[in-house]
N, C-alpha and C. Protein backbone atom coordinates (compact mmCIF):
# COMPACT_ATOMS: atom_id res chain seq x y z
N MET A 1 0.83 -1.20 0.00
CA MET A 1 0.00 0.00 0.00
C MET A 1 0.87 1.26 0.00
N LYS A 2 1.89 1.27 0.86
CA LYS A 2 2.77 2.44 0.92
C LYS A 2 3.49 2.65 -0.42
N TYR A 3 3.81 1.53 -1.06
CA TYR A 3 4.50 1.58 -2.34
C TYR A 3 3.63 2.26 -3.40
N SER A 4 2.35 1.94 -3.41
CA SER A 4 1.46 2.52 -4.41
C SER A 4 1.22 4.01 -4.14
N ILE A 5 1.20 4.41 -2.88
CA ILE A 5 1.05 5.84 -2.55
C ILE A 5 2.27 6.61 -3.03
N SER A 6 3.45 6.04 -2.81
CA SER A 6 4.68 6.69 -3.27
C SER A 6 4.69 6.84 -4.79
N LEU A 7 4.27 5.80 -5.48
CA LEU A 7 4.21 5.87 -6.95
C LEU A 7 3.19 6.89 -7.41
N GLY A 8 2.11 7.03 -6.67
CA GLY A 8 1.07 7.99 -7.03
C GLY A 8 1.52 9.43 -6.85
N LEU A 9 2.39 9.67 -5.89
CA LEU A 9 2.87 11.02 -5.62
C LEU A 9 4.06 11.42 -6.50
N LEU A 10 4.73 10.45 -7.08
CA LEU A 10 5.89 10.72 -7.92
C LEU A 10 5.58 11.66 -9.09
N PRO A 11 4.51 11.44 -9.86
CA PRO A 11 4.22 12.37 -10.97
C PRO A 11 3.97 13.80 -10.49
N LEU A 12 3.35 13.96 -9.35
CA LEU A 12 3.11 15.32 -8.83
C LEU A 12 4.43 16.01 -8.52
N ALA A 13 5.34 15.28 -7.92
CA ALA A 13 6.64 15.86 -7.60
C ALA A 13 7.40 16.24 -8.87
N LEU A 14 7.35 15.37 -9.87
CA LEU A 14 8.03 15.66 -11.13
C LEU A 14 7.40 16.84 -11.86
N LEU A 15 6.09 16.93 -11.85
CA LEU A 15 5.42 18.05 -12.51
C LEU A 15 5.71 19.36 -11.78
N GLY A 16 5.78 19.31 -10.47
CA GLY A 16 6.13 20.51 -9.70
C GLY A 16 7.52 21.00 -10.04
N ALA A 17 8.43 20.09 -10.25
CA ALA A 17 9.80 20.46 -10.61
C ALA A 17 9.83 21.09 -12.00
N CYS A 18 9.01 20.60 -12.91
CA CYS A 18 8.97 21.16 -14.27
C CYS A 18 8.46 22.59 -14.26
N ALA A 19 7.48 22.86 -13.45
CA ALA A 19 6.87 24.18 -13.43
C ALA A 19 7.79 25.23 -12.82
N THR A 20 8.79 24.79 -12.05
CA THR A 20 9.67 25.75 -11.39
C THR A 20 10.93 26.04 -12.20
N LEU A 21 11.11 25.36 -13.32
CA LEU A 21 12.27 25.62 -14.16
C LEU A 21 12.13 26.99 -14.82
N PRO A 22 13.23 27.73 -14.91
CA PRO A 22 13.13 29.02 -15.60
C PRO A 22 12.89 28.81 -17.09
N PRO A 23 12.15 29.72 -17.70
CA PRO A 23 11.86 29.55 -19.13
C PRO A 23 13.09 29.79 -20.00
N THR A 24 13.16 29.08 -21.08
CA THR A 24 14.24 29.30 -22.04
C THR A 24 13.91 30.51 -22.91
N SER A 25 14.90 31.01 -23.61
CA SER A 25 14.65 32.15 -24.49
C SER A 25 13.69 31.77 -25.61
N ALA A 26 13.73 30.51 -26.05
CA ALA A 26 12.81 30.05 -27.09
C ALA A 26 11.37 30.03 -26.57
N GLN A 27 11.18 29.61 -25.32
CA GLN A 27 9.84 29.60 -24.74
C GLN A 27 9.31 31.03 -24.60
N ILE A 28 10.15 31.93 -24.17
CA ILE A 28 9.74 33.33 -24.01
C ILE A 28 9.33 33.90 -25.36
N ALA A 29 10.15 33.65 -26.38
CA ALA A 29 9.85 34.16 -27.71
C ALA A 29 8.54 33.56 -28.24
N SER A 30 8.34 32.27 -28.01
CA SER A 30 7.12 31.61 -28.46
C SER A 30 5.89 32.20 -27.77
N CYS A 31 6.00 32.45 -26.48
CA CYS A 31 4.86 33.00 -25.74
C CYS A 31 4.56 34.43 -26.18
N LYS A 32 5.60 35.21 -26.43
CA LYS A 32 5.38 36.58 -26.90
C LYS A 32 4.73 36.57 -28.28
N ALA A 33 5.16 35.64 -29.13
CA ALA A 33 4.57 35.54 -30.47
C ALA A 33 3.11 35.11 -30.36
N MET A 34 2.82 34.19 -29.46
CA MET A 34 1.44 33.74 -29.28
C MET A 34 0.58 34.91 -28.80
N GLU A 35 1.12 35.69 -27.88
CA GLU A 35 0.38 36.83 -27.36
C GLU A 35 0.13 37.87 -28.45
N ASP A 36 1.15 38.13 -29.27
CA ASP A 36 1.02 39.12 -30.34
C ASP A 36 0.03 38.68 -31.41
N ASN A 37 0.01 37.38 -31.71
CA ASN A 37 -0.83 36.85 -32.78
C ASN A 37 -2.13 36.24 -32.30
N MET A 38 -2.43 36.42 -31.02
CA MET A 38 -3.60 35.76 -30.45
C MET A 38 -4.86 36.07 -31.26
N GLY A 39 -5.47 35.03 -31.76
CA GLY A 39 -6.71 35.19 -32.51
C GLY A 39 -6.51 35.54 -33.96
N LEU A 40 -5.26 35.73 -34.39
CA LEU A 40 -5.01 36.13 -35.78
C LEU A 40 -4.47 34.99 -36.63
N ALA A 41 -3.38 34.40 -36.20
CA ALA A 41 -2.68 33.42 -37.03
C ALA A 41 -3.33 32.05 -37.03
N THR A 42 -3.63 31.53 -35.87
CA THR A 42 -4.17 30.17 -35.78
C THR A 42 -5.42 30.16 -34.92
N PRO A 43 -6.55 30.43 -35.52
CA PRO A 43 -7.79 30.41 -34.72
C PRO A 43 -8.06 29.01 -34.16
N HIS A 44 -8.49 28.98 -32.93
CA HIS A 44 -8.82 27.72 -32.29
C HIS A 44 -9.90 27.97 -31.25
N ASP A 45 -10.57 26.91 -30.88
CA ASP A 45 -11.71 27.01 -29.99
C ASP A 45 -11.35 26.47 -28.61
N HIS A 46 -11.36 27.35 -27.61
CA HIS A 46 -11.06 26.92 -26.25
C HIS A 46 -12.17 26.03 -25.69
N ASN A 47 -13.36 26.17 -26.19
CA ASN A 47 -14.48 25.35 -25.70
C ASN A 47 -14.44 23.94 -26.28
N GLU A 48 -13.64 23.76 -27.31
CA GLU A 48 -13.56 22.46 -27.98
C GLU A 48 -13.16 21.35 -27.01
N MET A 49 -12.26 21.63 -26.10
CA MET A 49 -11.77 20.62 -25.17
C MET A 49 -12.38 20.78 -23.78
N LYS A 50 -13.41 21.59 -23.67
CA LYS A 50 -14.03 21.82 -22.37
C LYS A 50 -14.57 20.52 -21.80
N GLY A 51 -14.44 20.36 -20.51
CA GLY A 51 -14.94 19.17 -19.85
C GLY A 51 -13.98 17.99 -19.90
N GLN A 52 -12.83 18.18 -20.51
CA GLN A 52 -11.85 17.10 -20.61
C GLN A 52 -10.74 17.25 -19.58
N GLY A 53 -10.90 18.16 -18.63
CA GLY A 53 -9.86 18.38 -17.64
C GLY A 53 -8.71 19.17 -18.23
N ARG A 54 -7.55 19.00 -17.67
CA ARG A 54 -6.36 19.70 -18.17
C ARG A 54 -5.95 19.08 -19.49
N ASN A 55 -5.82 19.90 -20.50
CA ASN A 55 -5.44 19.40 -21.81
C ASN A 55 -4.22 20.16 -22.29
N PRO A 56 -3.55 19.70 -23.33
CA PRO A 56 -2.30 20.32 -23.77
C PRO A 56 -2.43 21.81 -24.10
N MET A 57 -3.54 22.21 -24.71
CA MET A 57 -3.69 23.62 -25.05
C MET A 57 -3.77 24.48 -23.79
N ASN A 58 -4.58 24.06 -22.83
CA ASN A 58 -4.70 24.84 -21.61
C ASN A 58 -3.39 24.87 -20.83
N LEU A 59 -2.68 23.75 -20.82
CA LEU A 59 -1.40 23.71 -20.11
C LEU A 59 -0.39 24.66 -20.74
N SER A 60 -0.32 24.68 -22.07
CA SER A 60 0.64 25.57 -22.72
C SER A 60 0.23 27.03 -22.54
N HIS A 61 -1.06 27.32 -22.57
CA HIS A 61 -1.52 28.69 -22.35
C HIS A 61 -1.21 29.13 -20.92
N ASP A 62 -1.44 28.25 -19.96
CA ASP A 62 -1.14 28.58 -18.56
C ASP A 62 0.35 28.82 -18.36
N ARG A 63 1.17 27.98 -18.99
CA ARG A 63 2.62 28.15 -18.86
C ARG A 63 3.05 29.47 -19.47
N CYS A 64 2.48 29.84 -20.60
CA CYS A 64 2.83 31.12 -21.22
C CYS A 64 2.41 32.29 -20.33
N LEU A 65 1.27 32.18 -19.70
CA LEU A 65 0.85 33.24 -18.77
C LEU A 65 1.85 33.39 -17.64
N GLN A 66 2.33 32.28 -17.10
CA GLN A 66 3.34 32.32 -16.05
C GLN A 66 4.61 32.99 -16.55
N ILE A 67 5.05 32.62 -17.74
CA ILE A 67 6.29 33.16 -18.30
C ILE A 67 6.14 34.65 -18.56
N LEU A 68 5.04 35.07 -19.15
CA LEU A 68 4.86 36.49 -19.48
C LEU A 68 4.71 37.35 -18.22
N LYS A 69 4.16 36.81 -17.16
CA LYS A 69 4.05 37.57 -15.91
C LYS A 69 5.43 37.83 -15.30
N GLN A 70 6.40 36.94 -15.57
CA GLN A 70 7.74 37.10 -15.05
C GLN A 70 8.55 38.14 -15.82
N GLN A 71 8.12 38.45 -17.01
CA GLN A 71 8.88 39.38 -17.87
C GLN A 71 8.63 40.82 -17.49
């Protein structure tokens, strides 16, 4: 039982470590480009993945918000 709890907490620890890494210059540039082109270059529907929990689009948008707030 203790073994399964440890395995269950491992992904959370690893994800927490990923979120605390400083952004690379490429990530910063990508986020700035996304912000500048928001709604212009690649239209997409945020409601499309609604109800599916955390999805790749929301995760990348959230990460960009974190990066841009640091700038």
